[in-house]
Amino acid sequence: MTKHSTTRRRFLGASAQTGLMGALSALGLSSVAAPARAAVSDYKALVCLYMFGGNDGNNMIVPLDSTRYAQYNAIRGSHGLALSSAANTLLAARSATLQATDHPVTQPFGFHYGMPELDALYGQGQVAAILNVGSLRQPLSKAQYLTGAGVPAQLFSHPDQTIQNQAGTPSSAATGWGGRLVDVLGTGGHLDAIAVGAGGLFVEGASTHGNLLPGNGQLDLAGMNFWPQKEADARRAALVQILSAQNPNLIASAANKALLNGMDLVTDLKQANSGTPLSTVFPGTSLGQQLKTVAQLIRIRSQQGPGRQVYFVSQGGFDTHGGQAYQQFDMLRQVSQALAAFQLALSEIHAQQQVTSFTMSEFGRTLQPNSGGTDHAWGNHHLVVGAAVKGGLYGQFPDFTLGGKDDATGRGAWIPQFSNQQYGATLGRWFGADADMLQNQVFKNELVNFPQADLGFMLG
């Protein structure tokens, strides 16, 4: 894939994706009060990889027990979406004892064939698969769902569920749970919260404002690289003056602020990389270049002493209403290759124990296909990757009976068994937040609704 330098227009377009909620927070216009910060004695970072569009978790990781796999084949096989070892569309079967469940049976499963690198990392104990996670106010049964009691608003909606996932709550929120973690644990430095390539509410807190950086860590100001340095400096100074000017449009003002901060980070990267470059080879995909930039920034920050960082990177293309067989393969291939390279880079800079990556997506997709793809659903499977991860399967796969106890719509839209709050709180505890911080400050008195606040997939 061809690499492209990041122009001002492309970068401003990505900056605009931070959205209204993040813009209000960044401008200090939300009603969220900034909490006091706790001291930390070490360095850690969380990297959120957001799969825009709603990744089909049902094909990312497939249960191979006789009952579910037979149901899976019966429902998806006639549409050409069922994966199998015989067709080499599933990687070699694995098995694990289910954790964080009342029924810890041995579960056979297989990863999508586009993910051999992540499958290999799973074999090394560095990948946890968290099964059937989604937006919840409280644990929810099928009977409760049918009454409408406690059901999150605007299910199956891309923009609403994107906000809910990144905010870590189905309630109204102007901040993300990553930003709120840094509110209580960060140092307040400009490297605390960074979105790379495209903005995300995830990195916005009450006092923590995410900075936006081009995916490749560079900024080509309309041909700056082809002009003499004096001309390039003049163009940069002119852009700084424009972006610093007062703007009555709140969204534009927030986007301008994010771009200004990102320009400073570009300078930081350029100075830091004037020394020894990373030897790890990253794929030339957008996600590969985003994670390369993150690795470079982690190398800078991890050498500065104790602190906390959150990052937001993203991969689009997962809204697979049609053409899913190839499209999801291509997207998962890019995710797998980029995350594997990122893990190698973390080992190179001796930060593998201090950095954990995890996936999010607005929702899963229906087990029952349409003509060539799948439709918007609810609960989804997510992956957590890193040397500090306790690898394995957490929770259990849904009952694959259409219209059954786990199906909200009759088409295989799974009612989540785990909430976004539980998923985030488990990562937050590893990050250094105590029970009081998680309950009262990060997840806003909603974590108490769930009996298991820590799902146990992180070491330490």
Protein backbone atom coordinates (compact mmCIF):
# COMPACT_ATOMS: atom_id res chain seq x y z
CA MET A 1 0.00 0.00 0.00
CA THR A 2 1.32 3.42 -0.92
CA LYS A 3 2.30 5.73 1.91
CA HIS A 4 0.90 9.25 1.79
CA SER A 5 2.20 12.32 3.55
CA THR A 6 -0.43 14.00 5.71
CA THR A 7 -1.66 17.28 4.29
CA ARG A 8 -3.28 20.04 6.31
CA ARG A 9 -6.67 19.32 4.67
CA ARG A 10 -6.51 15.59 5.48
CA PHE A 11 -5.37 16.26 9.04
CA LEU A 12 -8.07 18.86 9.65
CA GLY A 13 -10.63 16.40 8.33
CA ALA A 14 -9.46 13.77 10.78
CA SER A 15 -9.44 16.33 13.59
CA ALA A 16 -13.10 17.14 12.94
CA GLN A 17 -13.95 13.54 13.79
CA THR A 18 -13.31 14.18 17.48
CA GLY A 19 -17.04 15.03 17.62
CA LEU A 20 -19.14 17.46 19.58
CA MET A 21 -18.68 15.81 22.98
CA GLY A 22 -14.89 15.84 22.77
CA ALA A 23 -14.94 19.39 21.42
CA LEU A 24 -16.91 20.71 24.38
CA SER A 25 -14.61 18.90 26.78
CA ALA A 26 -11.49 20.19 25.05
CA LEU A 27 -12.80 23.74 25.28
CA GLY A 28 -13.63 23.36 28.96
CA LEU A 29 -17.35 23.81 28.26
CA SER A 30 -18.59 20.46 29.56
CA SER A 31 -20.03 20.23 33.06
CA VAL A 32 -17.46 17.64 34.15
CA ALA A 33 -15.33 18.68 37.11
CA ALA A 34 -11.62 17.89 36.96
CA PRO A 35 -10.64 15.36 39.66
CA ALA A 36 -7.47 15.44 41.74
CA ARG A 37 -4.54 13.47 40.33
CA ALA A 38 -2.96 10.52 42.13
CA ALA A 39 0.81 10.03 42.15
CA VAL A 40 2.25 7.11 40.14
CA SER A 41 5.68 5.54 40.52
CA ASP A 42 6.05 3.82 37.14
CA TYR A 43 5.18 4.19 33.47
CA LYS A 44 2.23 2.54 31.69
CA ALA A 45 0.25 3.11 28.51
CA LEU A 46 -3.05 1.88 27.09
CA VAL A 47 -3.57 1.77 23.32
CA CYS A 48 -7.17 1.61 22.08
CA LEU A 49 -7.54 0.18 18.58
CA TYR A 50 -11.00 1.17 17.40
CA MET A 51 -12.59 -0.87 14.59
CA PHE A 52 -14.95 1.62 12.96
CA GLY A 53 -18.11 0.17 11.45
CA GLY A 54 -18.79 -2.74 13.79
CA ASN A 55 -16.43 -5.70 13.46
CA ASP A 56 -18.04 -9.11 13.02
CA GLY A 57 -16.74 -10.87 16.12
CA ASN A 58 -18.70 -14.00 15.18
CA ASN A 59 -16.15 -14.63 12.42
CA MET A 60 -13.11 -13.13 14.16
CA ILE A 61 -13.17 -15.98 16.67
CA VAL A 62 -15.36 -19.03 16.02
CA PRO A 63 -16.47 -21.57 18.65
CA LEU A 64 -15.78 -25.14 17.55
CA ASP A 65 -17.80 -27.10 20.09
CA SER A 66 -20.17 -29.44 18.29
CA THR A 67 -23.39 -27.64 19.20
CA ARG A 68 -22.43 -24.06 18.35
CA TYR A 69 -20.37 -24.91 15.29
CA ALA A 70 -23.26 -26.90 13.83
CA GLN A 71 -25.59 -23.94 14.42
CA TYR A 72 -23.01 -21.52 13.00
CA ASN A 73 -22.65 -23.59 9.81
CA ALA A 74 -26.40 -23.98 9.41
CA ILE A 75 -26.99 -20.21 9.75
CA ARG A 76 -24.00 -18.84 7.84
CA GLY A 77 -23.09 -21.64 5.47
CA SER A 78 -25.80 -21.01 2.89
CA HIS A 79 -24.58 -17.41 2.52
CA GLY A 80 -20.93 -18.35 2.05
CA LEU A 81 -19.81 -16.70 5.30
CA ALA A 82 -19.13 -19.80 7.41
CA LEU A 83 -15.41 -20.33 8.05
CA SER A 84 -13.79 -23.74 8.32
CA SER A 85 -10.44 -25.42 8.80
CA ALA A 86 -11.11 -27.54 5.70
CA ALA A 87 -11.34 -24.43 3.55
CA ASN A 88 -8.33 -22.86 5.30
CA THR A 89 -10.47 -19.93 6.41
CA LEU A 90 -10.00 -20.82 10.08
CA LEU A 91 -6.60 -21.17 11.66
CA ALA A 92 -5.69 -24.37 13.50
CA ALA A 93 -8.07 -25.17 16.33
CA ARG A 94 -7.15 -24.13 19.85
CA SER A 95 -8.83 -24.75 23.17
CA ALA A 96 -8.92 -22.96 26.50
CA THR A 97 -10.66 -23.26 29.83
CA LEU A 98 -13.18 -20.45 30.04
CA GLN A 99 -12.47 -17.86 32.73
CA ALA A 100 -14.63 -15.18 34.41
CA THR A 101 -17.65 -17.48 34.11
CA ASP A 102 -19.69 -19.80 36.31
CA HIS A 103 -19.17 -22.55 33.73
CA PRO A 104 -15.37 -22.95 33.21
CA VAL A 105 -15.56 -25.70 30.59
CA THR A 106 -12.89 -26.39 27.99
CA GLN A 107 -13.84 -24.44 24.86
CA PRO A 108 -12.43 -25.28 21.40
CA PHE A 109 -12.22 -22.35 18.97
CA GLY A 110 -10.38 -20.96 15.98
CA PHE A 111 -9.25 -17.51 14.87
CA HIS A 112 -10.09 -16.01 11.46
CA TYR A 113 -7.50 -16.95 8.84
CA GLY A 114 -6.54 -13.28 8.39
CA MET A 115 -4.98 -13.22 11.86
CA PRO A 116 -2.03 -15.66 11.98
CA GLU A 117 0.18 -13.14 13.80
CA LEU A 118 -2.36 -12.63 16.59
CA ASP A 119 -2.95 -16.37 16.74
CA ALA A 120 0.79 -16.82 17.30
CA LEU A 121 0.73 -14.19 20.05
CA TYR A 122 -2.20 -16.03 21.62
CA GLY A 123 -0.01 -19.15 21.66
CA GLN A 124 2.59 -17.13 23.60
CA GLY A 125 0.01 -16.15 26.22
CA GLN A 126 -0.12 -12.51 25.09
CA VAL A 127 -3.73 -12.35 23.84
CA ALA A 128 -6.97 -12.52 25.81
CA ALA A 129 -10.31 -12.80 24.00
CA ILE A 130 -13.13 -11.18 25.98
CA LEU A 131 -16.39 -12.69 24.75
CA ASN A 132 -19.68 -10.87 24.18
CA VAL A 133 -18.95 -7.37 25.52
CA GLY A 134 -21.22 -4.40 24.91
CA SER A 135 -23.12 -1.36 26.11
CA LEU A 136 -25.09 -2.10 29.30
CA ARG A 137 -26.51 -0.20 32.26
CA GLN A 138 -26.77 -3.40 34.32
CA PRO A 139 -26.78 -7.16 33.71
CA LEU A 140 -29.66 -7.82 31.34
CA SER A 141 -31.69 -10.97 30.67
CA LYS A 142 -33.77 -11.65 27.57
CA ALA A 143 -36.97 -11.17 29.61
CA GLN A 144 -35.76 -7.79 30.89
CA TYR A 145 -34.75 -6.75 27.39
CA LEU A 146 -38.24 -7.52 26.10
CA THR A 147 -39.77 -5.22 28.72
CA GLY A 148 -37.38 -2.41 27.78
CA ALA A 149 -36.25 -1.96 31.38
CA GLY A 150 -32.63 -0.85 31.67
CA VAL A 151 -31.93 -1.16 27.95
CA PRO A 152 -29.31 1.33 26.65
CA ALA A 153 -30.60 3.96 24.24
CA GLN A 154 -29.97 3.97 20.50
CA LEU A 155 -28.75 0.40 20.09
CA PHE A 156 -27.52 -0.55 16.58
CA SER A 157 -26.66 3.11 15.75
CA HIS A 158 -23.10 3.78 14.58
CA PRO A 159 -22.66 7.29 16.06
CA ASP A 160 -24.49 6.61 19.33
CA GLN A 161 -22.76 3.32 20.03
CA THR A 162 -19.38 4.80 19.09
CA ILE A 163 -19.89 7.44 21.77
CA GLN A 164 -21.14 4.90 24.32
CA ASN A 165 -18.21 2.54 23.74
CA GLN A 166 -15.56 5.23 23.98
CA ALA A 167 -17.29 6.96 26.89
CA GLY A 168 -17.64 3.65 28.73
CA THR A 169 -21.27 4.41 29.62
CA PRO A 170 -24.69 4.38 27.96
CA SER A 171 -25.44 7.60 29.82
CA SER A 172 -24.75 11.05 28.41
CA ALA A 173 -21.01 11.76 28.51
CA ALA A 174 -18.70 14.48 27.26
CA THR A 175 -15.53 12.52 28.06
CA GLY A 176 -14.00 9.12 27.36
CA TRP A 177 -12.96 6.54 29.91
CA GLY A 178 -9.34 6.69 28.76
CA GLY A 179 -9.25 10.44 29.31
CA ARG A 180 -10.88 10.02 32.72
CA LEU A 181 -8.22 7.49 33.71
CA VAL A 182 -5.54 10.02 32.83
CA ASP A 183 -7.48 12.68 34.75
CA VAL A 184 -6.78 10.75 37.96
CA LEU A 185 -3.41 9.15 37.11
CA GLY A 186 -1.68 11.34 34.51
CA THR A 187 1.03 13.92 35.01
CA GLY A 188 -0.73 16.65 33.03
CA GLY A 189 1.91 16.62 30.29
CA HIS A 190 1.18 17.12 26.58
CA LEU A 191 2.00 13.45 25.90
CA ASP A 192 -0.66 12.06 28.26
CA ALA A 193 -3.46 11.53 25.73
CA ILE A 194 -2.96 11.25 21.99
CA ALA A 195 -5.21 10.32 19.08
CA VAL A 196 -3.27 9.24 16.00
CA GLY A 197 -4.75 9.51 12.52
CA ALA A 198 -8.33 10.29 13.60
CA GLY A 199 -9.82 11.82 16.72
CA GLY A 200 -11.58 9.84 19.42
CA LEU A 201 -13.69 10.70 22.46
CA PHE A 202 -11.80 7.94 24.30
CA VAL A 203 -8.82 10.22 25.04
CA GLU A 204 -10.87 13.20 26.25
CA GLY A 205 -11.13 13.83 30.00
CA ALA A 206 -12.28 16.65 32.22
CA SER A 207 -8.76 18.09 32.54
CA THR A 208 -7.11 15.82 29.95
CA HIS A 209 -7.49 16.96 26.35
CA GLY A 210 -6.41 14.60 23.61
CA ASN A 211 -3.91 15.84 21.06
CA LEU A 212 -4.34 14.80 17.43
CA LEU A 213 -1.32 13.63 15.46
CA PRO A 214 -1.12 12.55 11.80
CA GLY A 215 -1.00 8.80 11.40
CA ASN A 216 2.53 8.82 10.00
CA GLY A 217 3.81 11.43 12.46
CA GLN A 218 4.47 13.93 9.66
CA LEU A 219 2.76 17.08 8.43
CA ASP A 220 3.22 18.12 4.81
CA LEU A 221 2.00 21.71 4.58
CA ALA A 222 0.97 21.72 0.93
CA GLY A 223 4.37 20.75 -0.40
CA MET A 224 6.49 21.93 2.52
CA ASN A 225 8.93 19.07 1.97
CA PHE A 226 9.71 20.44 -1.50
CA TRP A 227 10.39 24.03 -0.37
CA PRO A 228 13.54 25.52 1.16
CA GLN A 229 13.52 25.49 4.97
CA LYS A 230 12.88 29.24 5.15
CA GLU A 231 9.73 28.88 3.03
CA ALA A 232 8.59 25.83 5.02
CA ASP A 233 9.04 27.72 8.31
CA ALA A 234 7.04 30.65 6.94
CA ARG A 235 4.17 28.35 5.93
CA ARG A 236 4.16 26.73 9.34
CA ALA A 237 4.15 30.12 11.10
CA ALA A 238 1.22 31.24 8.95
CA LEU A 239 -0.74 28.10 9.80
CA VAL A 240 -0.05 28.57 13.53
CA GLN A 241 -1.34 32.15 13.30
CA ILE A 242 -4.53 31.01 11.55
CA LEU A 243 -5.20 28.21 14.02
CA SER A 244 -4.49 30.44 17.03
CA ALA A 245 -7.06 33.02 15.98
CA GLN A 246 -10.33 33.15 17.89
CA ASN A 247 -13.12 31.20 16.23
CA PRO A 248 -16.77 31.47 17.33
CA ASN A 249 -17.46 27.95 16.04
CA LEU A 250 -16.83 25.62 18.98
CA ILE A 251 -16.15 22.53 16.88
CA ALA A 252 -13.76 24.35 14.56
CA SER A 253 -11.99 25.90 17.55
CA ALA A 254 -11.49 22.49 19.18
CA ALA A 255 -10.24 21.03 15.89
CA ASN A 256 -7.79 23.91 15.51
CA LYS A 257 -6.52 23.39 19.05
CA ALA A 258 -6.02 19.67 18.42
CA LEU A 259 -4.09 20.43 15.23
CA LEU A 260 -1.87 22.99 16.99
CA ASN A 261 -0.99 20.48 19.69
CA GLY A 262 -0.41 17.83 17.04
CA MET A 263 2.04 20.11 15.26
CA ASP A 264 4.04 20.34 18.48
CA LEU A 265 4.07 16.53 18.70
CA VAL A 266 5.31 16.34 15.10
CA THR A 267 8.25 18.50 16.18
CA ASP A 268 8.87 16.26 19.21
CA LEU A 269 8.90 13.20 16.97
CA LYS A 270 11.24 14.78 14.46
CA GLN A 271 13.73 15.68 17.19
CA ALA A 272 13.50 12.27 18.88
CA ASN A 273 13.92 10.36 15.61
CA SER A 274 17.00 12.33 14.61
CA GLY A 275 18.87 9.70 16.65
CA THR A 276 18.59 5.94 16.24
CA PRO A 277 15.38 5.00 14.37
CA LEU A 278 13.28 1.98 15.27
CA SER A 279 14.57 -1.15 13.57
CA THR A 280 11.16 -2.87 13.67
CA VAL A 281 9.56 -2.94 10.22
CA PHE A 282 5.90 -1.89 10.28
CA PRO A 283 3.45 -2.61 7.46
CA GLY A 284 2.81 0.32 5.13
CA THR A 285 -0.91 0.34 5.93
CA SER A 286 -2.58 3.26 7.68
CA LEU A 287 -2.87 1.27 10.92
CA GLY A 288 0.72 0.08 10.65
CA GLN A 289 1.93 3.68 10.37
CA GLN A 290 -0.33 4.81 13.24
CA LEU A 291 1.12 2.16 15.55
CA LYS A 292 4.66 2.99 14.42
CA THR A 293 4.01 6.59 15.47
CA VAL A 294 2.64 5.37 18.81
CA ALA A 295 5.75 3.24 19.38
CA GLN A 296 7.96 6.27 18.67
CA LEU A 297 5.99 8.41 21.13
CA ILE A 298 6.12 5.68 23.78
CA ARG A 299 9.89 5.54 23.40
CA ILE A 300 10.02 9.29 24.07
CA ARG A 301 7.67 9.27 27.05
CA SER A 302 8.81 6.04 28.73
CA GLN A 303 12.32 7.47 29.04
CA GLN A 304 11.02 10.52 30.93
CA GLY A 305 10.09 8.66 34.13
CA PRO A 306 6.81 7.74 35.82
CA GLY A 307 3.57 8.61 34.08
CA ARG A 308 0.51 7.38 32.23
CA GLN A 309 -0.51 7.61 28.57
CA VAL A 310 -3.59 6.68 26.56
CA TYR A 311 -3.61 6.40 22.78
CA PHE A 312 -6.37 6.09 20.20
CA VAL A 313 -5.70 4.49 16.81
CA SER A 314 -8.26 3.20 14.35
CA GLN A 315 -9.06 1.01 11.37
CA GLY A 316 -12.17 1.59 9.26
CA GLY A 317 -14.09 -0.61 6.88
CA PHE A 318 -15.87 -2.99 9.26
CA ASP A 319 -19.45 -2.02 8.27
CA THR A 320 -19.76 -5.19 6.20
CA HIS A 321 -23.35 -5.27 4.91
CA GLY A 322 -21.93 -6.79 1.72
CA GLY A 323 -18.70 -8.33 0.47
CA GLN A 324 -17.79 -9.42 3.99
CA ALA A 325 -15.85 -12.55 3.08
CA TYR A 326 -13.01 -10.58 1.51
CA GLN A 327 -13.47 -7.23 3.23
CA GLN A 328 -13.22 -8.56 6.76
CA PHE A 329 -10.24 -10.71 5.82
CA ASP A 330 -8.43 -7.63 4.53
CA MET A 331 -9.26 -5.54 7.60
CA LEU A 332 -8.33 -8.27 10.11
CA ARG A 333 -5.12 -8.97 8.18
CA GLN A 334 -4.12 -5.33 8.60
CA VAL A 335 -5.01 -5.39 12.31
CA SER A 336 -3.06 -8.59 12.93
CA GLN A 337 0.08 -7.51 11.07
CA ALA A 338 0.14 -4.05 12.63
CA LEU A 339 -0.36 -5.29 16.20
CA ALA A 340 2.33 -7.95 15.77
CA ALA A 341 4.81 -5.32 14.54
CA PHE A 342 3.82 -3.09 17.45
CA GLN A 343 4.60 -5.86 19.93
CA LEU A 344 8.03 -6.33 18.34
CA ALA A 345 8.69 -2.59 18.60
CA LEU A 346 7.69 -2.57 22.28
CA SER A 347 10.20 -5.35 22.88
CA GLU A 348 12.84 -3.34 21.01
CA ILE A 349 12.32 -0.31 23.25
CA HIS A 350 11.96 -2.48 26.40
CA ALA A 351 8.38 -1.37 27.08
CA GLN A 352 6.52 -4.63 26.46
CA GLN A 353 5.42 -5.01 30.10
CA GLN A 354 4.29 -1.39 30.35
CA VAL A 355 1.97 -1.19 27.32
CA THR A 356 -1.33 -2.97 26.69
CA SER A 357 -3.38 -2.74 23.48
CA PHE A 358 -7.06 -3.60 23.18
CA THR A 359 -9.79 -3.51 20.56
CA MET A 360 -13.13 -1.70 20.62
CA SER A 361 -15.91 -1.42 18.05
CA GLU A 362 -19.35 0.14 18.27
CA PHE A 363 -21.17 -3.21 18.13
CA GLY A 364 -21.02 -6.74 16.79
CA ARG A 365 -22.96 -8.06 13.81
CA THR A 366 -25.85 -10.44 13.37
CA LEU A 367 -25.08 -14.14 13.25
CA GLN A 368 -27.72 -14.45 10.54
CA PRO A 369 -26.32 -12.89 7.36
CA ASN A 370 -28.02 -10.85 4.67
CA SER A 371 -27.21 -11.55 1.01
CA GLY A 372 -23.46 -11.00 1.29
CA GLY A 373 -22.69 -9.58 4.69
CA THR A 374 -24.11 -8.96 8.15
CA ASP A 375 -26.16 -6.30 9.87
CA HIS A 376 -25.77 -4.18 13.00
CA ALA A 377 -26.06 -6.11 16.26
CA TRP A 378 -24.96 -5.62 19.89
CA GLY A 379 -22.53 -7.71 21.96
CA ASN A 380 -19.12 -8.36 20.41
CA HIS A 381 -15.83 -10.13 21.09
CA HIS A 382 -12.70 -8.07 21.79
CA LEU A 383 -8.97 -8.79 22.00
CA VAL A 384 -6.47 -7.55 24.58
CA VAL A 385 -2.80 -7.83 23.58
CA GLY A 386 0.41 -7.44 25.56
CA ALA A 387 3.03 -9.03 27.78
CA ALA A 388 1.01 -8.02 30.87
CA VAL A 389 -2.07 -9.89 29.61
CA LYS A 390 -3.23 -13.15 31.14
CA GLY A 391 -4.03 -14.93 27.90
CA GLY A 392 -7.10 -17.08 27.30
CA LEU A 393 -10.87 -16.90 26.80
CA TYR A 394 -13.00 -14.85 29.20
CA GLY A 395 -16.72 -15.38 29.52
CA GLN A 396 -18.50 -17.75 27.16
CA PHE A 397 -19.79 -17.71 23.61
CA PRO A 398 -23.49 -16.90 23.25
CA ASP A 399 -26.07 -19.61 22.65
CA PHE A 400 -26.22 -19.62 18.84
CA THR A 401 -29.96 -20.37 18.78
CA LEU A 402 -31.75 -17.67 16.77
CA GLY A 403 -34.41 -16.17 19.02
CA GLY A 404 -32.83 -17.93 22.01
CA LYS A 405 -31.96 -16.63 25.45
CA ASP A 406 -28.97 -14.56 24.25
CA ASP A 407 -30.54 -13.18 21.06
CA ALA A 408 -32.23 -9.78 21.28
CA THR A 409 -33.73 -9.62 17.77
CA GLY A 410 -34.15 -13.13 16.40
CA ARG A 411 -31.23 -12.66 14.00
CA GLY A 412 -28.35 -13.32 16.38
CA ALA A 413 -27.82 -9.91 17.99
CA TRP A 414 -26.25 -10.94 21.29
CA ILE A 415 -27.29 -9.42 24.60
CA PRO A 416 -23.86 -8.73 26.16
CA GLN A 417 -22.70 -10.80 29.13
CA PHE A 418 -20.02 -8.24 30.02
CA SER A 419 -20.35 -4.45 29.99
CA ASN A 420 -18.01 -1.85 28.59
CA GLN A 421 -17.55 -0.72 32.20
CA GLN A 422 -16.24 -4.16 33.28
CA TYR A 423 -13.96 -4.34 30.25
CA GLY A 424 -12.55 -0.87 30.91
CA ALA A 425 -12.28 -1.31 34.68
CA THR A 426 -10.13 -4.44 34.29
CA LEU A 427 -7.72 -2.46 32.11
CA GLY A 428 -8.02 0.52 34.45
CA ARG A 429 -7.00 -1.52 37.48
CA TRP A 430 -3.83 -2.64 35.69
CA PHE A 431 -3.29 1.00 34.71
CA GLY A 432 -3.16 1.89 38.41
CA ALA A 433 -6.68 3.01 39.32
CA ASP A 434 -8.03 1.74 42.62
CA ALA A 435 -11.61 0.61 43.24
CA ASP A 436 -12.75 4.04 44.41
CA MET A 437 -11.30 5.81 41.35
CA LEU A 438 -12.87 3.30 38.99
CA GLN A 439 -16.28 3.40 40.61
CA ASN A 440 -16.66 7.08 41.41
CA GLN A 441 -14.49 8.93 38.92
CA VAL A 442 -13.86 6.80 35.84
CA PHE A 443 -17.14 4.91 35.48
CA LYS A 444 -19.40 7.38 37.27
CA ASN A 445 -21.16 5.13 39.78
CA GLU A 446 -22.19 2.56 37.14
CA LEU A 447 -19.57 -0.11 37.85
CA VAL A 448 -21.40 -1.00 41.07
CA ASN A 449 -24.27 -2.36 38.94
CA PHE A 450 -22.12 -5.33 37.90
CA PRO A 451 -21.11 -8.09 40.35
CA GLN A 452 -17.68 -8.68 38.80
CA ALA A 453 -15.74 -5.44 38.40
CA ASP A 454 -12.48 -7.15 37.40
CA LEU A 455 -12.66 -9.84 34.70
CA GLY A 456 -9.14 -11.02 35.53
CA PHE A 457 -7.46 -10.86 32.12
CA MET A 458 -4.55 -8.67 33.29
CA LEU A 459 -1.54 -9.88 35.29
CA GLY A 460 -0.50 -8.11 38.47
